[in-house]
Amino acid sequence: MVATNPLFQGSFFSLKKFQATVVNDIWPEVLFFSLVATMVSLVSKLTSTSLAISSAMLTVLGTVLGLVISFRTSTAYERFMEGRKLWTSISIASRNLATVIWIHVPFDRIDKATGEKKSKLHVVIEKKSMINLVQGFSVSVKHLLRGEGGVYYADLYPLISLLPRYSNPHSIDEQDMLPLWKASEMDHKAHDTLRTRHCTPEPTIRHTISDPGQPSDYDEKNFAATEVSEDGTKWYNSLRAGNSHKKKFDPEAALPDIPSEHPLKPSRNPPSSGFFDYFPFLRILRPLTRPIRRALRHPPRPEHDIAQRSFTGKKIRPDIADSNVPSEITLYLSTYFAWLMRNGLLTPASATTMVNSISQLQDVVANLERIRNTPLPFAYQAHLRISLWLYLFFLPFQVFAAFGYLTIPATAFASFLLIGFLEIGQEIENPFNYDLNDLDLDHFCLSIQRELHEVTAHTVPEPDSFMFTEWNQPFAPADRRSAKAMMFDTDHDYHGPETGMASIRRTLLKSWREVDQATRR
């Protein structure tokens, strides 16, 4: 396999690829140490005072510092790869769980209350609804890791909206609201992460709707939106309605259209990129251009809506938000498992696979939260960065005697190299946000969605319906007849009471010899 240089893959270079680097984060420090080198060079060359000092400590300290930075980067990369492995575990557990539900839970069953046979439609709706919950688990984990609490998202709410909202089925009292929806209500009203404060999300077109199957005041052709009052009117959310003419890729189009009590947030809400994100060294001019930008912006952005970078362009991480949605989904999956066991609908082997898959999902989300919520200790990071700063500050003093004016580019390169590796380690230690270097969680969720729909597309056929056809040549290459032809050829040795099995074994042995010869170089 030949690896491709990512900088030269596709177009020669792009501003998007530039944003994936850490230049935005490290340029102030590189500039500072370059200015120090410039000062040392000019003072030593243009005056009688020489600022050069002995370089005896340069090699020893540089080696130790390089090893420590390498350890820091390796530790961060291990967290990055562990996050990727855990998402693979979610995919495997989701597929195993869906397979058990779809194939091993029987379609033919008797209703114990009435003694009558349940319809196939009843059973298929039950199974498909639970598999939709399995799909919703991965989506909820994605929002949890990104610090987005609650369930009111365009890619999550349609999958779990069937879950009960109140402990009493006939109650609509706020006091009876179950934890999943109560927490989501609070998240929707009070949850205010750094990203939601500082970014303008994609517009969500909202429509009033009286029933999921019968939209009212809703023009399917023109996607006309209606006004929504504050008196409890339900919302009809459609991201694809307002953006179908802008983008072709619309994964939410494959989800159900379900009315919600609150407007749904976009499935993705990455920070927007502006002019100063592509040219970070000009960010120091941002305060001077603020009146002009406010005057040109329509409508004006709120006062608190600022960029997600510091004054120098360094990334500001979004706040961490807790969410109980994944754990609530696993509780409902466990409840379904218990119901299947009480009704004798699972064999012991299938039950073991199902409970192990649910346990694996619970373990994975706990480990993902551990990675997200456990940064390296502050003392370690602070001591390492201060040590690096001192090393780079005294570097031009130690190399000037040998380099002269080349001390300036040499110091700039050394600071770019060392600070860059340190910043890369800090960036990838939490690989669950929207940065270009983070894991593509949306891709993982969509991949799981495709796999689960592939499972439910399986028709669970009887083996006899597809094995004994003209499309099956089980004894090739020694015998290239189809299974159907062999079954109808009753005069062949395969059917003889004395020659049958011996003839079949002879054919299989011949197949082994031909395959062994054909596959060796």
Protein backbone atom coordinates (compact mmCIF):
# COMPACT_ATOMS: atom_id res chain seq x y z
CA MET A 1 0.00 0.00 0.00
CA VAL A 2 1.43 3.37 -1.06
CA ALA A 3 0.74 6.23 1.33
CA THR A 4 -0.31 9.59 -0.09
CA ASN A 5 1.05 12.89 1.17
CA PRO A 6 -2.07 14.66 2.51
CA LEU A 7 -0.70 18.09 1.60
CA PHE A 8 -0.52 17.15 -2.08
CA GLN A 9 -3.59 14.93 -2.31
CA GLY A 10 -6.13 16.41 -4.70
CA SER A 11 -5.46 20.10 -5.17
CA PHE A 12 -1.99 21.45 -4.39
CA PHE A 13 -3.06 23.24 -1.24
CA SER A 14 -6.16 24.79 0.24
CA LEU A 15 -7.11 27.07 3.07
CA LYS A 16 -9.02 24.18 4.62
CA LYS A 17 -5.82 22.13 4.80
CA PHE A 18 -4.07 25.14 6.27
CA GLN A 19 -6.69 25.27 9.04
CA ALA A 20 -5.88 21.63 9.87
CA THR A 21 -2.35 22.64 10.86
CA VAL A 22 -1.41 24.16 14.22
CA VAL A 23 -0.02 27.37 12.72
CA ASN A 24 -3.03 29.29 14.08
CA ASP A 25 -2.13 28.16 17.59
CA ILE A 26 1.64 28.55 17.64
CA TRP A 27 2.44 31.59 15.51
CA PRO A 28 2.55 34.08 18.45
CA GLU A 29 5.13 31.97 20.30
CA VAL A 30 7.18 31.39 17.15
CA LEU A 31 7.10 35.12 16.45
CA PHE A 32 8.17 35.94 20.01
CA PHE A 33 11.20 33.65 20.01
CA SER A 34 12.15 34.85 16.52
CA LEU A 35 12.13 38.42 17.84
CA VAL A 36 14.34 37.34 20.75
CA ALA A 37 16.79 35.82 18.25
CA THR A 38 16.65 39.00 16.20
CA MET A 39 17.45 41.10 19.28
CA VAL A 40 20.38 38.85 20.21
CA SER A 41 21.79 38.96 16.69
CA LEU A 42 21.48 42.73 16.28
CA VAL A 43 22.90 43.58 19.70
CA SER A 44 25.85 41.19 19.27
CA LYS A 45 26.62 42.37 15.72
CA LEU A 46 25.97 46.09 15.94
CA THR A 47 27.33 46.80 19.41
CA SER A 48 30.43 45.91 21.33
CA THR A 49 28.41 43.71 23.70
CA SER A 50 28.25 40.03 22.86
CA LEU A 51 25.24 38.16 24.17
CA ALA A 52 26.64 34.75 23.24
CA ILE A 53 26.91 32.22 26.04
CA SER A 54 28.29 28.71 26.30
CA SER A 55 26.30 25.98 24.58
CA ALA A 56 27.39 23.24 26.97
CA MET A 57 23.86 22.68 28.24
CA LEU A 58 22.22 22.86 24.79
CA THR A 59 22.71 19.22 23.79
CA VAL A 60 21.76 17.71 27.13
CA LEU A 61 18.66 19.82 27.69
CA GLY A 62 17.58 19.51 24.04
CA THR A 63 17.74 15.73 24.16
CA VAL A 64 15.77 15.50 27.40
CA LEU A 65 13.18 18.01 26.20
CA GLY A 66 12.79 16.20 22.88
CA LEU A 67 12.16 12.90 24.66
CA VAL A 68 9.56 14.48 26.93
CA ILE A 69 7.76 16.13 24.00
CA SER A 70 7.84 12.83 22.10
CA PHE A 71 6.28 11.09 25.11
CA ARG A 72 3.61 13.82 25.30
CA THR A 73 2.72 13.43 21.63
CA SER A 74 2.71 9.62 21.82
CA THR A 75 0.40 9.70 24.83
CA ALA A 76 -2.03 11.98 23.01
CA TYR A 77 -1.93 9.79 19.89
CA GLU A 78 -2.72 6.73 22.02
CA ARG A 79 -5.85 8.50 23.27
CA PHE A 80 -6.73 9.37 19.67
CA MET A 81 -6.36 5.75 18.53
CA GLU A 82 -8.19 4.43 21.59
CA GLY A 83 -11.13 6.66 20.70
CA ARG A 84 -11.12 5.23 17.18
CA LYS A 85 -11.01 1.65 18.51
CA LEU A 86 -13.89 2.34 20.86
CA TRP A 87 -16.02 3.63 17.99
CA THR A 88 -15.23 0.40 16.15
CA SER A 89 -16.51 -1.44 19.21
CA ILE A 90 -19.76 0.58 19.05
CA SER A 91 -20.16 -0.43 15.41
CA ILE A 92 -19.55 -4.12 16.15
CA ALA A 93 -21.84 -4.20 19.19
CA SER A 94 -24.60 -2.33 17.33
CA ARG A 95 -24.49 -4.75 14.42
CA ASN A 96 -24.45 -7.80 16.73
CA LEU A 97 -27.35 -6.44 18.73
CA ALA A 98 -29.37 -5.66 15.61
CA THR A 99 -28.64 -9.13 14.19
CA VAL A 100 -29.91 -10.85 17.35
CA ILE A 101 -33.05 -8.71 17.40
CA TRP A 102 -33.81 -9.10 13.70
CA ILE A 103 -32.92 -12.78 13.14
CA HIS A 104 -32.94 -14.61 16.47
CA VAL A 105 -36.08 -13.07 17.97
CA PRO A 106 -38.84 -15.15 16.31
CA PHE A 107 -41.32 -13.64 13.87
CA ASP A 108 -43.96 -16.27 14.63
CA ARG A 109 -45.36 -15.87 18.12
CA ILE A 110 -48.58 -16.18 20.05
CA ASP A 111 -50.16 -13.37 22.04
CA LYS A 112 -50.49 -14.78 25.57
CA ALA A 113 -53.33 -12.42 26.43
CA THR A 114 -55.60 -13.44 23.55
CA GLY A 115 -54.11 -16.76 22.50
CA GLU A 116 -54.07 -15.59 18.89
CA LYS A 117 -51.11 -15.41 16.53
CA LYS A 118 -49.56 -11.97 16.29
CA SER A 119 -49.36 -10.43 12.85
CA LYS A 120 -46.02 -10.22 11.09
CA LEU A 121 -46.45 -6.46 10.83
CA HIS A 122 -46.77 -6.16 14.62
CA VAL A 123 -43.53 -8.09 15.18
CA VAL A 124 -41.57 -6.29 12.44
CA ILE A 125 -42.57 -2.87 13.82
CA GLU A 126 -41.43 -3.99 17.28
CA LYS A 127 -38.05 -5.20 16.01
CA LYS A 128 -37.38 -2.25 13.72
CA SER A 129 -38.25 0.22 16.49
CA MET A 130 -35.70 -1.35 18.81
CA ILE A 131 -33.05 -1.37 16.08
CA ASN A 132 -33.76 2.35 15.58
CA LEU A 133 -32.92 2.78 19.27
CA VAL A 134 -29.62 0.97 18.66
CA GLN A 135 -28.91 3.47 15.88
CA GLY A 136 -29.90 6.33 18.18
CA PHE A 137 -27.34 5.16 20.74
CA SER A 138 -24.36 5.95 18.51
CA VAL A 139 -25.85 9.33 17.56
CA SER A 140 -26.42 10.20 21.23
CA VAL A 141 -22.82 9.27 22.06
CA LYS A 142 -21.63 11.58 19.28
CA HIS A 143 -23.54 14.54 20.75
CA LEU A 144 -22.39 13.63 24.26
CA LEU A 145 -18.73 13.69 23.26
CA ARG A 146 -19.17 17.04 21.51
CA GLY A 147 -20.66 18.62 24.61
CA GLU A 148 -24.15 18.85 23.12
CA GLY A 149 -26.70 17.81 25.73
CA GLY A 150 -30.28 16.71 25.31
CA VAL A 151 -32.19 14.91 22.55
CA TYR A 152 -33.47 17.77 20.42
CA TYR A 153 -31.22 17.28 17.39
CA ALA A 154 -32.27 16.63 13.81
CA ASP A 155 -30.48 13.27 13.66
CA LEU A 156 -31.34 12.02 17.17
CA TYR A 157 -34.88 13.04 18.07
CA PRO A 158 -36.61 11.13 15.22
CA LEU A 159 -34.97 7.88 16.38
CA ILE A 160 -35.95 8.05 20.06
CA SER A 161 -39.15 10.13 20.00
CA LEU A 162 -41.16 6.91 20.56
CA LEU A 163 -39.85 6.56 24.13
CA PRO A 164 -42.34 7.36 26.92
CA ARG A 165 -42.16 10.85 28.38
CA TYR A 166 -44.01 10.38 31.67
CA SER A 167 -43.88 7.73 34.39
CA ASN A 168 -47.69 7.64 34.29
CA PRO A 169 -48.81 6.93 30.71
CA HIS A 170 -51.96 9.03 31.19
CA SER A 171 -50.20 12.00 32.80
CA ILE A 172 -48.82 15.20 31.29
CA ASP A 173 -47.73 16.63 34.65
CA GLU A 174 -44.22 18.07 34.68
CA GLN A 175 -43.58 16.25 37.95
CA ASP A 176 -44.07 12.88 36.22
CA MET A 177 -41.64 13.57 33.36
CA LEU A 178 -39.00 10.85 33.05
CA PRO A 179 -35.27 11.72 33.44
CA LEU A 180 -34.48 11.44 29.71
CA TRP A 181 -36.96 14.15 28.74
CA LYS A 182 -36.68 16.23 31.91
CA ALA A 183 -32.91 16.55 31.47
CA SER A 184 -33.36 17.31 27.76
CA GLU A 185 -35.87 20.06 28.62
CA MET A 186 -33.30 21.64 30.93
CA ASP A 187 -30.53 21.16 28.36
CA HIS A 188 -32.64 22.79 25.67
CA LYS A 189 -33.52 25.81 27.80
CA ALA A 190 -30.40 26.31 29.92
CA HIS A 191 -27.57 24.39 28.26
CA ASP A 192 -25.33 27.05 26.75
CA THR A 193 -21.98 25.75 25.55
CA LEU A 194 -19.25 27.89 24.12
CA ARG A 195 -20.14 26.70 20.64
CA THR A 196 -23.84 27.58 20.86
CA ARG A 197 -22.97 31.02 22.19
CA HIS A 198 -20.39 31.84 19.57
CA CYS A 199 -21.75 30.23 16.45
CA THR A 200 -24.77 30.78 14.30
CA PRO A 201 -26.16 27.32 13.51
CA GLU A 202 -27.69 26.31 10.24
CA PRO A 203 -31.20 27.72 10.00
CA THR A 204 -33.89 25.25 10.98
CA ILE A 205 -37.14 25.63 9.07
CA ARG A 206 -40.01 25.07 11.50
CA HIS A 207 -43.56 24.12 10.59
CA THR A 208 -46.57 23.59 12.80
CA ILE A 209 -48.02 20.12 12.55
CA SER A 210 -51.02 18.48 14.15
CA ASP A 211 -50.10 14.86 13.48
CA PRO A 212 -46.97 13.14 12.13
CA GLY A 213 -48.94 11.62 9.29
CA GLN A 214 -51.12 14.63 8.50
CA PRO A 215 -49.14 17.91 8.26
CA SER A 216 -51.14 21.10 8.55
CA ASP A 217 -50.12 24.47 7.10
CA TYR A 218 -47.27 22.70 5.37
CA ASP A 219 -46.48 23.04 1.69
CA GLU A 220 -44.39 20.03 0.63
CA LYS A 221 -43.43 21.72 -2.63
CA ASN A 222 -42.37 25.10 -1.32
CA PHE A 223 -41.61 24.12 2.30
CA ALA A 224 -43.53 27.14 3.55
CA ALA A 225 -42.92 27.86 7.22
CA THR A 226 -45.61 29.05 9.60
CA GLU A 227 -45.38 31.11 12.74
CA VAL A 228 -45.05 29.14 15.96
CA SER A 229 -46.51 30.41 19.17
CA GLU A 230 -45.24 29.90 22.70
CA ASP A 231 -48.38 28.11 23.91
CA GLY A 232 -47.19 24.57 23.36
CA THR A 233 -47.59 24.36 19.59
CA LYS A 234 -45.56 21.48 18.21
CA TRP A 235 -42.74 22.13 15.79
CA TYR A 236 -42.11 20.46 12.49
CA ASN A 237 -38.37 20.52 11.93
CA SER A 238 -36.80 20.12 8.53
CA LEU A 239 -33.17 21.03 7.97
CA ARG A 240 -33.35 19.61 4.47
CA ALA A 241 -36.33 21.82 3.65
CA GLY A 242 -34.40 25.04 3.90
CA ASN A 243 -31.06 23.78 2.62
CA SER A 244 -31.93 21.35 -0.16
CA HIS A 245 -30.99 23.92 -2.79
CA LYS A 246 -27.65 24.60 -1.11
CA LYS A 247 -26.29 21.14 -0.49
CA LYS A 248 -26.70 17.74 -2.04
CA PHE A 249 -25.56 15.66 0.92
CA ASP A 250 -28.49 15.45 3.33
CA PRO A 251 -28.36 12.38 5.60
CA GLU A 252 -31.34 13.60 7.65
CA ALA A 253 -33.52 12.96 4.59
CA ALA A 254 -33.35 9.25 5.46
CA LEU A 255 -34.82 9.81 8.95
CA PRO A 256 -38.48 9.90 9.99
CA ASP A 257 -40.41 13.18 10.02
CA ILE A 258 -41.54 13.46 13.63
CA PRO A 259 -43.05 16.57 15.30
CA SER A 260 -41.17 17.84 18.33
CA GLU A 261 -41.95 20.10 21.27
CA HIS A 262 -38.92 22.27 20.57
CA PRO A 263 -37.09 23.33 17.41
CA LEU A 264 -34.43 20.77 16.59
CA LYS A 265 -30.81 21.81 16.51
CA PRO A 266 -28.64 20.81 13.53
CA SER A 267 -27.01 17.39 13.65
CA ARG A 268 -23.71 19.20 13.05
CA ASN A 269 -22.89 22.60 14.49
CA PRO A 270 -19.20 23.19 13.73
CA PRO A 271 -17.65 26.60 14.39
CA SER A 272 -17.83 28.85 11.38
CA SER A 273 -14.60 29.98 9.70
CA GLY A 274 -13.91 33.61 9.03
CA PHE A 275 -11.23 35.73 7.41
CA PHE A 276 -9.11 35.89 10.56
CA ASP A 277 -9.12 32.08 10.89
CA TYR A 278 -7.27 31.78 7.58
CA PHE A 279 -4.91 34.68 8.34
CA PRO A 280 -4.31 34.41 12.09
CA PHE A 281 -1.48 36.92 12.23
CA LEU A 282 -4.02 39.63 11.27
CA ARG A 283 -6.23 38.78 14.25
CA ILE A 284 -4.57 41.50 16.31
CA LEU A 285 -6.34 43.96 13.97
CA ARG A 286 -9.76 42.47 14.76
CA PRO A 287 -10.74 45.10 17.38
CA LEU A 288 -10.03 47.88 14.84
CA THR A 289 -12.31 46.34 12.20
CA ARG A 290 -15.17 45.43 14.56
CA PRO A 291 -17.28 48.60 13.89
CA ILE A 292 -17.02 48.03 10.13
CA ARG A 293 -17.98 44.38 10.40
CA ARG A 294 -20.98 45.22 12.58
CA ALA A 295 -22.17 47.81 10.09
CA LEU A 296 -21.92 45.42 7.15
CA ARG A 297 -23.53 42.42 8.87
CA HIS A 298 -27.24 41.86 8.30
CA PRO A 299 -28.77 41.11 10.67
CA PRO A 300 -26.29 42.30 13.28
CA ARG A 301 -24.75 39.55 15.39
CA PRO A 302 -25.31 39.69 19.16
CA GLU A 303 -22.62 41.24 21.31
CA HIS A 304 -21.63 37.90 22.85
CA ASP A 305 -21.26 36.22 19.44
CA ILE A 306 -17.49 36.20 19.05
CA ALA A 307 -15.09 33.82 17.35
CA GLN A 308 -14.07 30.55 18.93
CA ARG A 309 -10.44 31.63 19.15
CA SER A 310 -8.52 33.78 21.53
CA PHE A 311 -7.10 37.20 20.70
CA THR A 312 -4.03 35.57 19.14
CA GLY A 313 -5.99 32.89 17.28
CA LYS A 314 -5.55 29.97 19.69
CA LYS A 315 -8.49 27.55 19.72
CA ILE A 316 -10.84 27.72 22.68
CA ARG A 317 -12.30 24.34 23.56
CA PRO A 318 -16.10 24.08 24.02
CA ASP A 319 -17.49 23.47 27.46
CA ILE A 320 -18.17 19.90 28.59
CA ALA A 321 -21.86 19.01 28.94
CA ASP A 322 -23.22 15.93 30.67
CA SER A 323 -25.91 13.89 28.98
CA ASN A 324 -27.82 10.84 30.17
CA VAL A 325 -29.21 9.94 26.75
CA PRO A 326 -26.90 6.97 25.95
CA SER A 327 -27.47 5.41 29.37
CA GLU A 328 -31.24 5.87 29.03
CA ILE A 329 -31.21 4.15 25.64
CA THR A 330 -29.29 1.17 27.04
CA LEU A 331 -31.89 0.96 29.85
CA TYR A 332 -34.67 0.58 27.27
CA LEU A 333 -32.64 -2.00 25.37
CA SER A 334 -32.13 -3.92 28.61
CA THR A 335 -35.86 -3.65 29.33
CA TYR A 336 -36.61 -5.14 25.92
CA PHE A 337 -34.12 -7.93 26.60
CA ALA A 338 -35.80 -8.70 29.94
CA TRP A 339 -39.22 -8.76 28.22
CA LEU A 340 -37.94 -11.22 25.61
CA MET A 341 -36.58 -13.49 28.34
CA ARG A 342 -39.82 -13.40 30.35
CA ASN A 343 -41.75 -14.46 27.28
CA GLY A 344 -39.30 -17.18 26.30
CA LEU A 345 -38.46 -15.59 22.93
CA LEU A 346 -34.67 -16.00 23.13
CA THR A 347 -32.46 -19.07 23.28
CA PRO A 348 -29.66 -19.04 25.88
CA ALA A 349 -26.97 -18.50 23.22
CA SER A 350 -28.82 -15.54 21.66
CA ALA A 351 -29.54 -14.10 25.08
CA THR A 352 -25.84 -14.21 25.94
CA THR A 353 -24.93 -12.37 22.72
CA MET A 354 -27.57 -9.73 23.30
CA VAL A 355 -26.69 -8.98 26.92
CA ASN A 356 -22.97 -8.92 26.07
CA SER A 357 -23.62 -6.41 23.26
CA ILE A 358 -25.60 -4.13 25.57
CA SER A 359 -22.87 -4.36 28.20
CA GLN A 360 -20.26 -3.56 25.55
CA LEU A 361 -22.16 -0.41 24.57
CA GLN A 362 -22.24 0.69 28.21
CA ASP A 363 -18.53 0.00 28.65
CA VAL A 364 -17.60 1.87 25.49
CA VAL A 365 -19.48 5.05 26.36
CA ALA A 366 -17.87 5.05 29.82
CA ASN A 367 -14.40 4.74 28.26
CA LEU A 368 -15.13 7.46 25.71
CA GLU A 369 -16.21 9.78 28.53
CA ARG A 370 -12.99 8.92 30.35
CA ILE A 371 -10.94 10.07 27.36
CA ARG A 372 -12.95 13.25 26.93
CA ASN A 373 -13.07 14.25 30.60
CA THR A 374 -9.53 13.32 31.67
CA PRO A 375 -6.90 15.68 30.27
CA LEU A 376 -3.28 15.36 31.25
CA PRO A 377 -2.59 16.91 34.66
CA PHE A 378 -2.15 20.68 34.59
CA ALA A 379 1.14 20.54 36.48
CA TYR A 380 2.68 18.25 33.86
CA GLN A 381 1.51 20.41 30.95
CA ALA A 382 2.54 23.68 32.63
CA HIS A 383 5.99 22.40 33.62
CA LEU A 384 6.66 21.04 30.15
CA ARG A 385 5.58 24.24 28.40
CA ILE A 386 7.56 26.50 30.74
CA SER A 387 10.65 24.30 30.29
CA LEU A 388 10.26 24.54 26.52
CA TRP A 389 9.85 28.30 26.64
CA LEU A 390 13.02 28.70 28.73
CA TYR A 391 14.93 26.41 26.37
CA LEU A 392 13.83 28.36 23.27
CA PHE A 393 14.43 31.71 24.99
CA PHE A 394 18.08 30.89 25.73
CA LEU A 395 18.64 29.04 22.43
CA PRO A 396 19.72 32.11 20.38
CA PHE A 397 22.20 33.11 23.10
CA GLN A 398 23.86 29.70 22.82
CA VAL A 399 23.98 29.29 19.03
CA PHE A 400 24.81 32.86 17.98
CA ALA A 401 28.59 32.30 18.19
CA ALA A 402 28.34 29.53 15.57
CA PHE A 403 25.42 30.76 13.42
CA GLY A 404 25.62 34.53 13.37
CA TYR A 405 22.59 36.02 11.62
CA LEU A 406 21.39 32.50 10.83
CA THR A 407 20.40 32.38 14.49
CA ILE A 408 17.11 34.07 13.53
CA PRO A 409 15.80 31.43 11.05
CA ALA A 410 17.33 28.63 13.13
CA THR A 411 15.44 29.75 16.24
CA ALA A 412 12.22 30.23 14.25
CA PHE A 413 12.49 26.70 12.86
CA ALA A 414 13.33 25.16 16.24
CA SER A 415 10.43 26.90 17.95
CA PHE A 416 8.04 25.95 15.12
CA LEU A 417 9.15 22.32 15.36
CA LEU A 418 9.06 21.87 19.13
CA ILE A 419 6.03 24.01 19.95
CA GLY A 420 4.18 22.46 16.98
CA PHE A 421 4.62 18.93 18.28
CA LEU A 422 3.55 20.05 21.75
CA GLU A 423 0.42 21.72 20.37
CA ILE A 424 -0.44 18.69 18.21
CA GLY A 425 -0.39 16.54 21.31
CA GLN A 426 -2.77 18.91 23.08
CA GLU A 427 -5.12 19.05 20.09
CA ILE A 428 -5.55 15.32 19.50
CA GLU A 429 -5.84 14.22 23.14
CA ASN A 430 -9.60 14.95 22.89
CA PRO A 431 -10.45 13.86 19.32
CA PHE A 432 -14.24 14.25 19.50
CA ASN A 433 -14.87 17.86 18.44
CA TYR A 434 -15.24 19.48 15.02
CA ASP A 435 -11.57 20.12 14.30
CA LEU A 436 -10.25 18.76 11.02
CA ASN A 437 -7.80 16.60 12.98
CA ASP A 438 -10.56 15.05 15.11
CA LEU A 439 -12.32 11.77 14.46
CA ASP A 440 -15.16 11.96 11.95
CA LEU A 441 -17.95 10.98 14.33
CA ASP A 442 -20.65 11.81 11.79
CA HIS A 443 -19.11 9.34 9.35
CA PHE A 444 -19.06 6.64 12.05
CA CYS A 445 -22.74 7.22 12.88
CA LEU A 446 -23.80 7.17 9.24
CA SER A 447 -21.81 3.99 8.69
CA ILE A 448 -23.62 2.34 11.62
CA GLN A 449 -26.92 3.57 10.19
CA ARG A 450 -26.18 1.92 6.84
CA GLU A 451 -25.14 -1.34 8.51
CA LEU A 452 -28.30 -1.52 10.63
CA HIS A 453 -30.50 -0.88 7.61
CA GLU A 454 -28.59 -3.61 5.81
CA VAL A 455 -29.45 -5.99 8.67
CA THR A 456 -33.16 -5.14 8.54
CA ALA A 457 -33.15 -5.53 4.76
CA HIS A 458 -32.26 -9.19 5.30
CA THR A 459 -35.32 -11.36 4.63
CA VAL A 460 -34.37 -14.24 6.98
CA PRO A 461 -35.04 -16.88 4.29
CA GLU A 462 -35.22 -20.63 4.78
CA PRO A 463 -31.93 -22.27 3.61
CA ASP A 464 -33.73 -24.51 1.09
CA SER A 465 -35.04 -21.44 -0.74
CA PHE A 466 -31.63 -20.34 -1.99
CA MET A 467 -29.24 -23.30 -1.71
CA PHE A 468 -30.68 -25.69 -4.30
CA THR A 469 -30.76 -23.33 -7.29
CA GLU A 470 -28.84 -22.94 -10.52
CA TRP A 471 -26.87 -20.07 -8.94
CA ASN A 472 -25.03 -22.38 -6.54
CA GLN A 473 -22.03 -24.53 -7.55
CA PRO A 474 -20.93 -25.89 -4.17
CA PHE A 475 -18.38 -28.45 -5.48
CA ALA A 476 -16.48 -26.18 -7.90
CA PRO A 477 -13.89 -26.37 -9.35
CA ALA A 478 -13.95 -30.20 -9.51
CA ASP A 479 -17.66 -30.36 -10.30
CA ARG A 480 -19.09 -27.21 -11.83
CA ARG A 481 -22.67 -28.37 -11.97
CA SER A 482 -25.26 -26.39 -10.03
CA ALA A 483 -26.86 -27.74 -6.87
CA LYS A 484 -30.19 -27.90 -8.69
CA ALA A 485 -28.69 -30.00 -11.51
CA MET A 486 -27.00 -32.37 -9.06
CA MET A 487 -30.22 -32.93 -7.13
CA PHE A 488 -32.16 -33.76 -10.31
CA ASP A 489 -29.42 -36.08 -11.67
CA THR A 490 -30.52 -39.06 -9.61
CA ASP A 491 -28.49 -41.49 -11.74
CA HIS A 492 -25.18 -39.96 -10.64
CA ASP A 493 -22.89 -41.71 -8.13
CA TYR A 494 -23.69 -38.94 -5.62
CA HIS A 495 -27.13 -40.51 -5.10
CA GLY A 496 -26.02 -44.13 -4.84
CA PRO A 497 -26.48 -45.77 -1.43
CA GLU A 498 -23.00 -47.32 -1.66
CA THR A 499 -21.17 -44.75 -3.80
CA GLY A 500 -22.77 -41.49 -2.63
CA MET A 501 -20.55 -40.20 0.16
CA ALA A 502 -17.39 -41.77 -1.28
CA SER A 503 -17.99 -40.03 -4.62
CA ILE A 504 -18.65 -36.71 -2.90
CA ARG A 505 -15.44 -36.97 -0.89
CA ARG A 506 -13.51 -37.82 -4.04
CA THR A 507 -14.88 -34.67 -5.71
CA LEU A 508 -13.99 -32.50 -2.72
CA LEU A 509 -10.47 -33.95 -2.67
CA LYS A 510 -10.09 -33.15 -6.36
CA SER A 511 -11.27 -29.58 -5.66
CA TRP A 512 -8.57 -29.25 -3.01
CA ARG A 513 -5.84 -30.38 -5.44
CA GLU A 514 -6.98 -27.96 -8.16
CA VAL A 515 -7.24 -25.04 -5.74
CA ASP A 516 -3.86 -25.83 -4.21
CA GLN A 517 -2.19 -25.79 -7.64
CA ALA A 518 -4.04 -22.74 -8.95
CA THR A 519 -3.31 -20.53 -5.95
CA ARG A 520 0.42 -21.16 -5.64
CA ARG A 521 2.89 -19.04 -7.57
